[in-house]
Amino acid sequence: MGKPQFYPAVFDIDISVCMSCQICVEVCPFEAIKMDKVFELSRRERFDALLLRKSDLAKSNTYYHSICPTDAPEVDAKLAQAAAKKKPAPPSPAPTGAPSVKAGTPSATA
């Protein structure tokens, strides 16, 4: 068993306080935050329109490839390697000599 990882229940970025300093990119433990050069995020409303939810911030992998063409292949390789490590091992066969019980059939002890 590995140590538990905690994920945020809600992920929001308040654009009214963002200075585009990219500190959030540096400290993100999952390398999930990437900055682009779109700085024009002004809105007519002052409050709810400046709070961007995860669904507003999510971009496709092809978009990331277009804004960071040199870094994207390396990040994709790291993600693929991490996903390969997380794949569960194939189920081991039942030990020989042990009785097998098929689904839907009553067991011998019932």
Foldseek 3Di string as FASTA:
>chain_A
DDDDDDDDPWDKDQQVPDPVPCPCCVPPPVNPDDDADPNPQDDPDDPPSRIGTPVRVDDDLVVVCVRCVPCSVVVVVVVVVVVVVPDDDPDDDDDPPDDDDDPPDDDPVD
